[in-house]
Amino acid sequence: MPVLQYQNRSVHYLQQGQGEAVLLLHGLGSCAEHWSAQMAELSQHYNVIAADFRGHGHSSPSRQPFTMQQLAADMLALLQHLNIARCQVIGFSLGGMVAFELALLAPQCIQSLVIINSGPQLAVQGWRLTLLLWFRLAVIRFLGMRRLGQIIGAKLFPQAEQQHLVAQFARQMALTDKRSYRHTLGAISRFSVQSQLDRLVLPVLVIAADQDYSPVASKAAFVSLLPDAELIVIPNSRHATPLDQPDALNTQLLSFLAKVVKPGLSVASNTKVSGGDQHA
C-alpha cells in the first residue's frame, strides 16, 4: 500500500498508468478507491494518482482542526514525493475545494482543474449552513458514522438499482475517522476563495450534475468569474457523479484532458511545500 510519511502523518494514495500526471481528489466521507471507474479509464492514457485526505481511507486521522489550505499542502507534498512538477487536478465536492486551494497555493504545479459538483465556496450559507452542520454532527454523535452514511447515501443514490452504492458509501463512512470528519466539516464551513478566482488563469472545466445539491445556475455564476473556464452539465446525475454516471463523466474528462495536457511537464520539481502543520 503506497503511503507518503509527511509531518508525522501518513498520506495514502493509489497510482496507476503512465504518462502525464492526473491527480484525483475525492469527496467528504469518500476515499481514493471510489475513483476506480475513472482510474481504469484515465490510466490508459495518463499517470493517475488518487489520494486519501486526512482521516479518510487509509490516511492518518487528524487530532487537531485543519484548514482547506492544509489539505492542499498535503497534496502538494504528495506531488513532490512522486517527483511530479506539473499535473492536472480533478476534484469532486470536497476535492474540488482542495483543488481550488492547491491551484492558488502552487500555481506553477497545476496545469488545469476539473471541478465536479463543487465551487469556490459553499452555496449554502448562514443559518442553512449551521443547520446542515449541526444535523450531521448530531447524527454522528447519537447514531454513528455508518448511519450518517446510510442517510446521505439514500439521497445520493435513490434508485432501486443503486442500492449497492448506498451500501458501499455507508461502509466507507463507517471506516472514516469521526474526529477527522468533524474537522473536515469545520474546514468546509470556513472555506472560500471566491474573491481570488481572477488569479486562476489556468484552464478550468466545471462539471455540474443536473440534480446536484446546488443548482447549475450557481456553478454558472462562478464560472463567469474565472478567466478560462467552461461548464458542462451531466444529465440524470445527483451529487456523486463519479459513481452514478461514470461513463458520461469519463467521456468529458478524456475530452478535456486531450485539449489541455502538455506532454513533458511531469518531471521532478524543486517546489517547496508550505501551508501544512506539524501536529494535526
C-alpha atoms as a PDB file:
ATOM      1  CA  MET A   1       0.000   0.000   0.000  1.00  0.00           C
ATOM      2  CA  PRO A   2       1.764   3.216  -1.149  1.00  0.00           C
ATOM      3  CA  VAL A   3       1.997   5.785   1.629  1.00  0.00           C
ATOM      4  CA  LEU A   4       3.730   9.148   1.996  1.00  0.00           C
ATOM      5  CA  GLN A   5       5.055   9.876   5.500  1.00  0.00           C
ATOM      6  CA  TYR A   6       4.577  13.613   5.921  1.00  0.00           C
ATOM      7  CA  GLN A   7       4.669  15.748   9.095  1.00  0.00           C
ATOM      8  CA  ASN A   8       4.136  12.795  11.437  1.00  0.00           C
ATOM      9  CA  ARG A   9       1.203  11.540   9.371  1.00  0.00           C
ATOM     10  CA  SER A  10       0.713   9.075   6.548  1.00  0.00           C
ATOM     11  CA  VAL A  11      -0.966  10.046   3.289  1.00  0.00           C
ATOM     12  CA  HIS A  12      -2.242   7.013   1.404  1.00  0.00           C
ATOM     13  CA  TYR A  13      -2.570   7.082  -2.359  1.00  0.00           C
ATOM     14  CA  LEU A  14      -3.189   4.876  -5.379  1.00  0.00           C
ATOM     15  CA  GLN A  15      -1.211   5.183  -8.594  1.00  0.00           C
ATOM     16  CA  GLN A  16      -1.890   3.617 -11.960  1.00  0.00           C
ATOM     17  CA  GLY A  17      -0.801   4.191 -15.554  1.00  0.00           C
ATOM     18  CA  GLN A  18       1.975   6.108 -17.280  1.00  0.00           C
ATOM     19  CA  GLY A  19       2.377   9.484 -18.926  1.00  0.00           C
ATOM     20  CA  GLU A  20       1.408  12.951 -17.761  1.00  0.00           C
ATOM     21  CA  ALA A  21       0.123  13.161 -14.201  1.00  0.00           C
ATOM     22  CA  VAL A  22      -3.530  13.476 -13.212  1.00  0.00           C
ATOM     23  CA  LEU A  23      -4.401  13.875  -9.508  1.00  0.00           C
ATOM     24  CA  LEU A  24      -7.874  12.775  -8.325  1.00  0.00           C
ATOM     25  CA  LEU A  25      -9.296  14.285  -5.115  1.00  0.00           C
ATOM     26  CA  HIS A  26     -12.319  12.602  -3.518  1.00  0.00           C
ATOM     27  CA  GLY A  27     -15.371  13.938  -1.675  1.00  0.00           C
ATOM     28  CA  LEU A  28     -16.267  14.109   2.014  1.00  0.00           C
ATOM     29  CA  GLY A  29     -16.594  10.673   3.600  1.00  0.00           C
ATOM     30  CA  SER A  30     -15.258   9.032   0.448  1.00  0.00           C
ATOM     31  CA  CYS A  31     -11.799   7.697  -0.446  1.00  0.00           C
ATOM     32  CA  ALA A  32      -9.365   7.070  -3.278  1.00  0.00           C
ATOM     33  CA  GLU A  33     -10.953   3.710  -4.114  1.00  0.00           C
ATOM     34  CA  HIS A  34     -14.196   5.449  -5.108  1.00  0.00           C
ATOM     35  CA  TRP A  35     -12.378   6.757  -8.204  1.00  0.00           C
ATOM     36  CA  SER A  36     -11.989   3.200  -9.553  1.00  0.00           C
ATOM     37  CA  ALA A  37     -14.052   3.802 -12.709  1.00  0.00           C
ATOM     38  CA  GLN A  38     -12.071   6.935 -13.525  1.00  0.00           C
ATOM     39  CA  MET A  39      -8.698   5.343 -12.742  1.00  0.00           C
ATOM     40  CA  ALA A  40      -9.445   2.389 -15.007  1.00  0.00           C
ATOM     41  CA  GLU A  41     -10.235   4.688 -17.929  1.00  0.00           C
ATOM     42  CA  LEU A  42      -7.785   7.549 -17.436  1.00  0.00           C
ATOM     43  CA  SER A  43      -4.811   5.307 -16.618  1.00  0.00           C
ATOM     44  CA  GLN A  44      -4.870   4.020 -20.181  1.00  0.00           C
ATOM     45  CA  HIS A  45      -3.502   7.441 -21.176  1.00  0.00           C
ATOM     46  CA  TYR A  46      -2.109   9.094 -18.033  1.00  0.00           C
ATOM     47  CA  ASN A  47      -0.254   8.562 -14.775  1.00  0.00           C
ATOM     48  CA  VAL A  48      -3.245   8.730 -12.414  1.00  0.00           C
ATOM     49  CA  ILE A  49      -2.893   9.345  -8.674  1.00  0.00           C
ATOM     50  CA  ALA A  50      -5.816   9.202  -6.249  1.00  0.00           C
ATOM     51  CA  ALA A  51      -5.115  10.290  -2.671  1.00  0.00           C
ATOM     52  CA  ASP A  52      -6.919   9.897   0.661  1.00  0.00           C
ATOM     53  CA  PHE A  53      -7.443  13.059   2.713  1.00  0.00           C
ATOM     54  CA  ARG A  54      -6.777  13.153   6.443  1.00  0.00           C
ATOM     55  CA  GLY A  55      -8.885  10.634   8.325  1.00  0.00           C
ATOM     56  CA  HIS A  56     -10.305   9.213   5.092  1.00  0.00           C
ATOM     57  CA  GLY A  57      -9.484   5.859   3.522  1.00  0.00           C
ATOM     58  CA  HIS A  58      -6.096   4.696   4.774  1.00  0.00           C
ATOM     59  CA  SER A  59      -4.613   8.106   5.618  1.00  0.00           C
ATOM     60  CA  SER A  60      -3.842   9.043   9.202  1.00  0.00           C
ATOM     61  CA  PRO A  61      -6.591  10.709  11.250  1.00  0.00           C
ATOM     62  CA  SER A  62      -6.156  14.262  12.479  1.00  0.00           C
ATOM     63  CA  ARG A  63      -6.201  15.098  16.183  1.00  0.00           C
ATOM     64  CA  GLN A  64      -6.448  18.853  15.601  1.00  0.00           C
ATOM     65  CA  PRO A  65      -8.599  21.088  13.364  1.00  0.00           C
ATOM     66  CA  PHE A  66      -7.179  21.977   9.962  1.00  0.00           C
ATOM     67  CA  THR A  67      -7.938  24.217   7.015  1.00  0.00           C
ATOM     68  CA  MET A  68      -8.650  23.521   3.367  1.00  0.00           C
ATOM     69  CA  GLN A  69      -5.263  25.046   2.537  1.00  0.00           C
ATOM     70  CA  GLN A  70      -3.584  22.484   4.787  1.00  0.00           C
ATOM     71  CA  LEU A  71      -5.318  19.682   2.895  1.00  0.00           C
ATOM     72  CA  ALA A  72      -3.953  21.263  -0.287  1.00  0.00           C
ATOM     73  CA  ALA A  73      -0.457  21.315   1.262  1.00  0.00           C
ATOM     74  CA  ASP A  74      -0.763  17.568   1.907  1.00  0.00           C
ATOM     75  CA  MET A  75      -1.469  17.041  -1.781  1.00  0.00           C
ATOM     76  CA  LEU A  76       1.409  19.286  -2.818  1.00  0.00           C
ATOM     77  CA  ALA A  77       3.720  17.235  -0.593  1.00  0.00           C
ATOM     78  CA  LEU A  78       2.471  14.094  -2.334  1.00  0.00           C
ATOM     79  CA  LEU A  79       3.243  15.560  -5.758  1.00  0.00           C
ATOM     80  CA  GLN A  80       6.758  16.388  -4.556  1.00  0.00           C
ATOM     81  CA  HIS A  81       7.165  12.886  -3.163  1.00  0.00           C
ATOM     82  CA  LEU A  82       6.296  11.475  -6.594  1.00  0.00           C
ATOM     83  CA  ASN A  83       8.630  13.946  -8.380  1.00  0.00           C
ATOM     84  CA  ILE A  84       5.723  15.495 -10.267  1.00  0.00           C
ATOM     85  CA  ALA A  85       6.339  19.103 -11.255  1.00  0.00           C
ATOM     86  CA  ARG A  86       3.104  19.750 -13.176  1.00  0.00           C
ATOM     87  CA  CYS A  87      -0.198  17.920 -13.245  1.00  0.00           C
ATOM     88  CA  GLN A  88      -3.892  18.132 -13.949  1.00  0.00           C
ATOM     89  CA  VAL A  89      -6.163  18.085 -10.887  1.00  0.00           C
ATOM     90  CA  ILE A  90      -9.680  16.647 -10.818  1.00  0.00           C
ATOM     91  CA  GLY A  91     -11.640  17.336  -7.631  1.00  0.00           C
ATOM     92  CA  PHE A  92     -15.089  16.156  -6.634  1.00  0.00           C
ATOM     93  CA  SER A  93     -17.106  18.013  -3.952  1.00  0.00           C
ATOM     94  CA  LEU A  94     -14.639  18.417  -1.032  1.00  0.00           C
ATOM     95  CA  GLY A  95     -11.896  17.521  -3.509  1.00  0.00           C
ATOM     96  CA  GLY A  96     -12.955  20.419  -5.724  1.00  0.00           C
ATOM     97  CA  MET A  97     -12.456  22.822  -2.830  1.00  0.00           C
ATOM     98  CA  VAL A  98      -8.999  21.391  -2.176  1.00  0.00           C
ATOM     99  CA  ALA A  99      -8.249  21.643  -5.903  1.00  0.00           C
ATOM    100  CA  PHE A 100      -9.015  25.378  -5.857  1.00  0.00           C
ATOM    101  CA  GLU A 101      -6.708  25.844  -2.856  1.00  0.00           C
ATOM    102  CA  LEU A 102      -3.973  23.742  -4.466  1.00  0.00           C
ATOM    103  CA  ALA A 103      -4.042  25.832  -7.649  1.00  0.00           C
ATOM    104  CA  LEU A 104      -3.742  29.008  -5.552  1.00  0.00           C
ATOM    105  CA  LEU A 105      -1.072  27.544  -3.270  1.00  0.00           C
ATOM    106  CA  ALA A 106       1.160  26.246  -6.080  1.00  0.00           C
ATOM    107  CA  PRO A 107       0.083  27.689  -9.444  1.00  0.00           C
ATOM    108  CA  GLN A 108       3.383  26.621 -11.008  1.00  0.00           C
ATOM    109  CA  CYS A 109       2.441  22.969 -10.347  1.00  0.00           C
ATOM    110  CA  ILE A 110      -1.136  22.857 -11.604  1.00  0.00           C
ATOM    111  CA  GLN A 111      -1.763  22.889 -15.341  1.00  0.00           C
ATOM    112  CA  SER A 112      -5.576  22.624 -15.285  1.00  0.00           C
ATOM    113  CA  LEU A 113      -8.526  21.970 -12.980  1.00  0.00           C
ATOM    114  CA  VAL A 114     -11.686  19.922 -13.266  1.00  0.00           C
ATOM    115  CA  ILE A 115     -14.222  20.835 -10.575  1.00  0.00           C
ATOM    116  CA  ILE A 116     -17.074  18.342 -10.146  1.00  0.00           C
ATOM    117  CA  ASN A 117     -20.173  19.381  -8.158  1.00  0.00           C
ATOM    118  CA  SER A 118     -18.203  21.850  -6.100  1.00  0.00           C
ATOM    119  CA  GLY A 119     -17.306  25.522  -6.037  1.00  0.00           C
ATOM    120  CA  PRO A 120     -15.098  28.259  -4.595  1.00  0.00           C
ATOM    121  CA  GLN A 121     -17.320  28.433  -1.515  1.00  0.00           C
ATOM    122  CA  LEU A 122     -20.363  26.637  -0.139  1.00  0.00           C
ATOM    123  CA  ALA A 123     -23.554  27.527  -1.946  1.00  0.00           C
ATOM    124  CA  VAL A 124     -25.381  27.121   1.382  1.00  0.00           C
ATOM    125  CA  GLN A 125     -24.632  29.926   3.839  1.00  0.00           C
ATOM    126  CA  GLY A 126     -25.969  31.464   7.053  1.00  0.00           C
ATOM    127  CA  TRP A 127     -28.490  29.561   9.136  1.00  0.00           C
ATOM    128  CA  ARG A 128     -28.906  26.871   6.465  1.00  0.00           C
ATOM    129  CA  LEU A 129     -25.213  26.021   6.708  1.00  0.00           C
ATOM    130  CA  THR A 130     -25.393  25.988  10.508  1.00  0.00           C
ATOM    131  CA  LEU A 131     -28.409  23.672  10.409  1.00  0.00           C
ATOM    132  CA  LEU A 132     -26.701  21.315   7.947  1.00  0.00           C
ATOM    133  CA  LEU A 133     -23.560  21.098  10.056  1.00  0.00           C
ATOM    134  CA  TRP A 134     -25.439  20.546  13.311  1.00  0.00           C
ATOM    135  CA  PHE A 135     -27.597  17.832  11.734  1.00  0.00           C
ATOM    136  CA  ARG A 136     -24.556  15.860  10.618  1.00  0.00           C
ATOM    137  CA  LEU A 137     -22.799  16.343  13.932  1.00  0.00           C
ATOM    138  CA  ALA A 138     -25.890  15.175  15.819  1.00  0.00           C
ATOM    139  CA  VAL A 139     -26.249  12.050  13.673  1.00  0.00           C
ATOM    140  CA  ILE A 140     -22.571  11.219  14.215  1.00  0.00           C
ATOM    141  CA  ARG A 141     -22.854  11.666  17.975  1.00  0.00           C
ATOM    142  CA  PHE A 142     -26.056   9.738  18.554  1.00  0.00           C
ATOM    143  CA  LEU A 143     -26.252   7.275  15.647  1.00  0.00           C
ATOM    144  CA  GLY A 144     -22.689   6.933  14.359  1.00  0.00           C
ATOM    145  CA  MET A 145     -20.839   7.290  11.066  1.00  0.00           C
ATOM    146  CA  ARG A 146     -22.422   4.300   9.338  1.00  0.00           C
ATOM    147  CA  ARG A 147     -25.925   5.646   9.938  1.00  0.00           C
ATOM    148  CA  LEU A 148     -24.886   9.044   8.585  1.00  0.00           C
ATOM    149  CA  GLY A 149     -23.546   7.265   5.526  1.00  0.00           C
ATOM    150  CA  GLN A 150     -26.881   5.481   5.052  1.00  0.00           C
ATOM    151  CA  ILE A 151     -28.806   8.757   5.319  1.00  0.00           C
ATOM    152  CA  ILE A 152     -26.550  10.600   2.886  1.00  0.00           C
ATOM    153  CA  GLY A 153     -26.265   7.577   0.587  1.00  0.00           C
ATOM    154  CA  ALA A 154     -30.049   7.281   0.283  1.00  0.00           C
ATOM    155  CA  LYS A 155     -30.128  10.853  -1.071  1.00  0.00           C
ATOM    156  CA  LEU A 156     -27.186  10.334  -3.377  1.00  0.00           C
ATOM    157  CA  PHE A 157     -28.455   7.039  -4.815  1.00  0.00           C
ATOM    158  CA  PRO A 158     -32.268   6.897  -4.638  1.00  0.00           C
ATOM    159  CA  GLN A 159     -32.869   4.383  -7.432  1.00  0.00           C
ATOM    160  CA  ALA A 160     -33.525   0.723  -6.664  1.00  0.00           C
ATOM    161  CA  GLU A 161     -30.645  -0.373  -8.892  1.00  0.00           C
ATOM    162  CA  GLN A 162     -28.292   1.907  -6.914  1.00  0.00           C
ATOM    163  CA  GLN A 163     -28.724   0.238  -3.543  1.00  0.00           C
ATOM    164  CA  HIS A 164     -25.285  -1.358  -3.796  1.00  0.00           C
ATOM    165  CA  LEU A 165     -23.857   2.173  -3.991  1.00  0.00           C
ATOM    166  CA  VAL A 166     -25.727   3.148  -0.808  1.00  0.00           C
ATOM    167  CA  ALA A 167     -24.220   0.141   0.965  1.00  0.00           C
ATOM    168  CA  GLN A 168     -20.763   0.926  -0.427  1.00  0.00           C
ATOM    169  CA  PHE A 169     -20.947   4.541   0.715  1.00  0.00           C
ATOM    170  CA  ALA A 170     -22.217   3.590   4.187  1.00  0.00           C
ATOM    171  CA  ARG A 171     -19.376   1.075   4.612  1.00  0.00           C
ATOM    172  CA  GLN A 172     -16.793   3.698   3.712  1.00  0.00           C
ATOM    173  CA  MET A 173     -18.358   6.263   6.032  1.00  0.00           C
ATOM    174  CA  ALA A 174     -18.220   3.737   8.866  1.00  0.00           C
ATOM    175  CA  LEU A 175     -14.461   3.482   8.321  1.00  0.00           C
ATOM    176  CA  THR A 176     -13.936   7.249   8.243  1.00  0.00           C
ATOM    177  CA  ASP A 177     -12.400   8.694  11.403  1.00  0.00           C
ATOM    178  CA  LYS A 178     -15.137  10.506  13.333  1.00  0.00           C
ATOM    179  CA  ARG A 179     -12.958  13.305  14.665  1.00  0.00           C
ATOM    180  CA  SER A 180     -11.336  13.930  11.288  1.00  0.00           C
ATOM    181  CA  TYR A 181     -14.770  14.065   9.659  1.00  0.00           C
ATOM    182  CA  ARG A 182     -15.826  16.744  12.148  1.00  0.00           C
ATOM    183  CA  HIS A 183     -12.636  18.688  11.467  1.00  0.00           C
ATOM    184  CA  THR A 184     -13.297  18.422   7.731  1.00  0.00           C
ATOM    185  CA  LEU A 185     -16.790  19.816   8.201  1.00  0.00           C
ATOM    186  CA  GLY A 186     -15.208  22.747  10.036  1.00  0.00           C
ATOM    187  CA  ALA A 187     -12.735  23.317   7.206  1.00  0.00           C
ATOM    188  CA  ILE A 188     -15.572  23.266   4.667  1.00  0.00           C
ATOM    189  CA  SER A 189     -17.624  25.776   6.694  1.00  0.00           C
ATOM    190  CA  ARG A 190     -14.686  28.232   6.712  1.00  0.00           C
ATOM    191  CA  PHE A 191     -13.686  27.750   3.091  1.00  0.00           C
ATOM    192  CA  SER A 192     -13.999  30.495   0.491  1.00  0.00           C
ATOM    193  CA  VAL A 193     -11.741  31.517  -2.389  1.00  0.00           C
ATOM    194  CA  GLN A 194     -14.490  33.375  -4.258  1.00  0.00           C
ATOM    195  CA  SER A 195     -12.543  36.653  -4.133  1.00  0.00           C
ATOM    196  CA  GLN A 196      -9.423  35.022  -5.635  1.00  0.00           C
ATOM    197  CA  LEU A 197     -10.918  33.475  -8.763  1.00  0.00           C
ATOM    198  CA  ASP A 198      -9.288  36.044 -11.041  1.00  0.00           C
ATOM    199  CA  ARG A 199      -5.896  34.595 -10.031  1.00  0.00           C
ATOM    200  CA  LEU A 200      -6.760  31.241 -11.587  1.00  0.00           C
ATOM    201  CA  VAL A 201      -5.588  31.798 -15.145  1.00  0.00           C
ATOM    202  CA  LEU A 202      -5.332  28.088 -15.975  1.00  0.00           C
ATOM    203  CA  PRO A 203      -7.989  26.139 -17.935  1.00  0.00           C
ATOM    204  CA  VAL A 204     -10.877  25.058 -15.696  1.00  0.00           C
ATOM    205  CA  LEU A 205     -13.672  22.635 -16.542  1.00  0.00           C
ATOM    206  CA  VAL A 206     -16.633  22.780 -14.169  1.00  0.00           C
ATOM    207  CA  ILE A 207     -18.887  19.727 -14.299  1.00  0.00           C
ATOM    208  CA  ALA A 208     -22.343  20.023 -12.774  1.00  0.00           C
ATOM    209  CA  ALA A 209     -24.858  17.245 -12.226  1.00  0.00           C
ATOM    210  CA  ASP A 210     -28.326  18.325 -13.250  1.00  0.00           C
ATOM    211  CA  GLN A 211     -29.733  17.206  -9.863  1.00  0.00           C
ATOM    212  CA  ASP A 212     -26.875  18.285  -7.589  1.00  0.00           C
ATOM    213  CA  TYR A 213     -27.483  19.858  -4.165  1.00  0.00           C
ATOM    214  CA  SER A 214     -26.861  23.315  -5.628  1.00  0.00           C
ATOM    215  CA  PRO A 215     -28.404  24.387  -8.964  1.00  0.00           C
ATOM    216  CA  VAL A 216     -26.492  24.574 -12.227  1.00  0.00           C
ATOM    217  CA  ALA A 217     -27.015  28.345 -12.164  1.00  0.00           C
ATOM    218  CA  SER A 218     -24.815  28.653  -9.071  1.00  0.00           C
ATOM    219  CA  LYS A 219     -21.974  26.936 -10.938  1.00  0.00           C
ATOM    220  CA  ALA A 220     -22.517  29.144 -13.992  1.00  0.00           C
ATOM    221  CA  ALA A 221     -22.221  32.201 -11.762  1.00  0.00           C
ATOM    222  CA  PHE A 222     -18.699  31.398 -10.560  1.00  0.00           C
ATOM    223  CA  VAL A 223     -17.626  30.043 -13.961  1.00  0.00           C
ATOM    224  CA  SER A 224     -18.269  33.536 -15.324  1.00  0.00           C
ATOM    225  CA  LEU A 225     -15.698  34.891 -12.843  1.00  0.00           C
ATOM    226  CA  LEU A 226     -12.910  32.551 -13.948  1.00  0.00           C
ATOM    227  CA  PRO A 227     -10.569  33.754 -16.729  1.00  0.00           C
ATOM    228  CA  ASP A 228     -10.590  30.484 -18.706  1.00  0.00           C
ATOM    229  CA  ALA A 229     -13.451  28.178 -17.765  1.00  0.00           C
ATOM    230  CA  GLU A 230     -16.299  26.200 -19.257  1.00  0.00           C
ATOM    231  CA  LEU A 231     -19.338  24.496 -17.753  1.00  0.00           C
ATOM    232  CA  ILE A 232     -20.618  21.040 -18.693  1.00  0.00           C
ATOM    233  CA  VAL A 233     -23.861  19.548 -17.316  1.00  0.00           C
ATOM    234  CA  ILE A 234     -24.180  15.795 -16.752  1.00  0.00           C
ATOM    235  CA  PRO A 235     -27.830  14.691 -17.049  1.00  0.00           C
ATOM    236  CA  ASN A 236     -29.571  12.171 -14.794  1.00  0.00           C
ATOM    237  CA  SER A 237     -26.987  12.591 -12.049  1.00  0.00           C
ATOM    238  CA  ARG A 238     -27.155  13.712  -8.444  1.00  0.00           C
ATOM    239  CA  HIS A 239     -24.186  14.815  -6.351  1.00  0.00           C
ATOM    240  CA  ALA A 240     -21.969  11.716  -6.659  1.00  0.00           C
ATOM    241  CA  THR A 241     -21.421  11.907 -10.421  1.00  0.00           C
ATOM    242  CA  PRO A 242     -18.189   9.816 -10.411  1.00  0.00           C
ATOM    243  CA  LEU A 243     -20.269   6.917  -9.077  1.00  0.00           C
ATOM    244  CA  ASP A 244     -23.730   7.380 -10.590  1.00  0.00           C
ATOM    245  CA  GLN A 245     -22.640   8.468 -14.110  1.00  0.00           C
ATOM    246  CA  PRO A 246     -19.064   7.182 -14.502  1.00  0.00           C
ATOM    247  CA  ASP A 247     -19.185   6.688 -18.275  1.00  0.00           C
ATOM    248  CA  ALA A 248     -20.582  10.136 -19.025  1.00  0.00           C
ATOM    249  CA  LEU A 249     -18.061  11.703 -16.664  1.00  0.00           C
ATOM    250  CA  ASN A 250     -15.136   9.790 -18.150  1.00  0.00           C
ATOM    251  CA  THR A 251     -16.088  10.968 -21.629  1.00  0.00           C
ATOM    252  CA  GLN A 252     -15.924  14.598 -20.514  1.00  0.00           C
ATOM    253  CA  LEU A 253     -12.680  14.100 -18.600  1.00  0.00           C
ATOM    254  CA  LEU A 254     -10.903  12.461 -21.523  1.00  0.00           C
ATOM    255  CA  SER A 255     -12.090  15.167 -23.919  1.00  0.00           C
ATOM    256  CA  PHE A 256     -10.891  17.972 -21.645  1.00  0.00           C
ATOM    257  CA  LEU A 257      -7.549  16.352 -20.819  1.00  0.00           C
ATOM    258  CA  ALA A 258      -6.838  15.751 -24.509  1.00  0.00           C
ATOM    259  CA  LYS A 259      -7.076  19.528 -25.020  1.00  0.00           C
ATOM    260  CA  VAL A 260      -5.059  20.766 -22.046  1.00  0.00           C
ATOM    261  CA  VAL A 261      -2.338  18.200 -21.314  1.00  0.00           C
ATOM    262  CA  LYS A 262       1.080  19.344 -22.480  1.00  0.00           C
ATOM    263  CA  PRO A 263       3.484  16.387 -22.644  1.00  0.00           C
ATOM    264  CA  GLY A 264       6.865  16.583 -20.975  1.00  0.00           C
ATOM    265  CA  LEU A 265       5.892  18.642 -17.930  1.00  0.00           C
ATOM    266  CA  SER A 266       5.515  15.887 -15.313  1.00  0.00           C
ATOM    267  CA  VAL A 267       9.141  15.928 -14.182  1.00  0.00           C
ATOM    268  CA  ALA A 268      10.994  16.368 -10.903  1.00  0.00           C
ATOM    269  CA  SER A 269      10.300  19.633  -9.128  1.00  0.00           C
ATOM    270  CA  ASN A 270      12.100  21.720  -6.512  1.00  0.00           C
ATOM    271  CA  THR A 271       8.875  23.352  -5.374  1.00  0.00           C
ATOM    272  CA  LYS A 272       8.794  23.929  -1.633  1.00  0.00           C
ATOM    273  CA  VAL A 273       5.776  22.762   0.338  1.00  0.00           C
ATOM    274  CA  SER A 274       4.128  25.278   2.653  1.00  0.00           C
ATOM    275  CA  GLY A 275       0.839  25.674   4.444  1.00  0.00           C
ATOM    276  CA  GLY A 276       0.965  22.369   6.384  1.00  0.00           C
ATOM    277  CA  ASP A 277       1.085  21.792  10.088  1.00  0.00           C
ATOM    278  CA  GLN A 278       3.263  19.672  12.291  1.00  0.00           C
ATOM    279  CA  HIS A 279       0.780  18.154  14.719  1.00  0.00           C
ATOM    280  CA  ALA A 280      -2.666  17.830  13.107  1.00  0.00           C
END
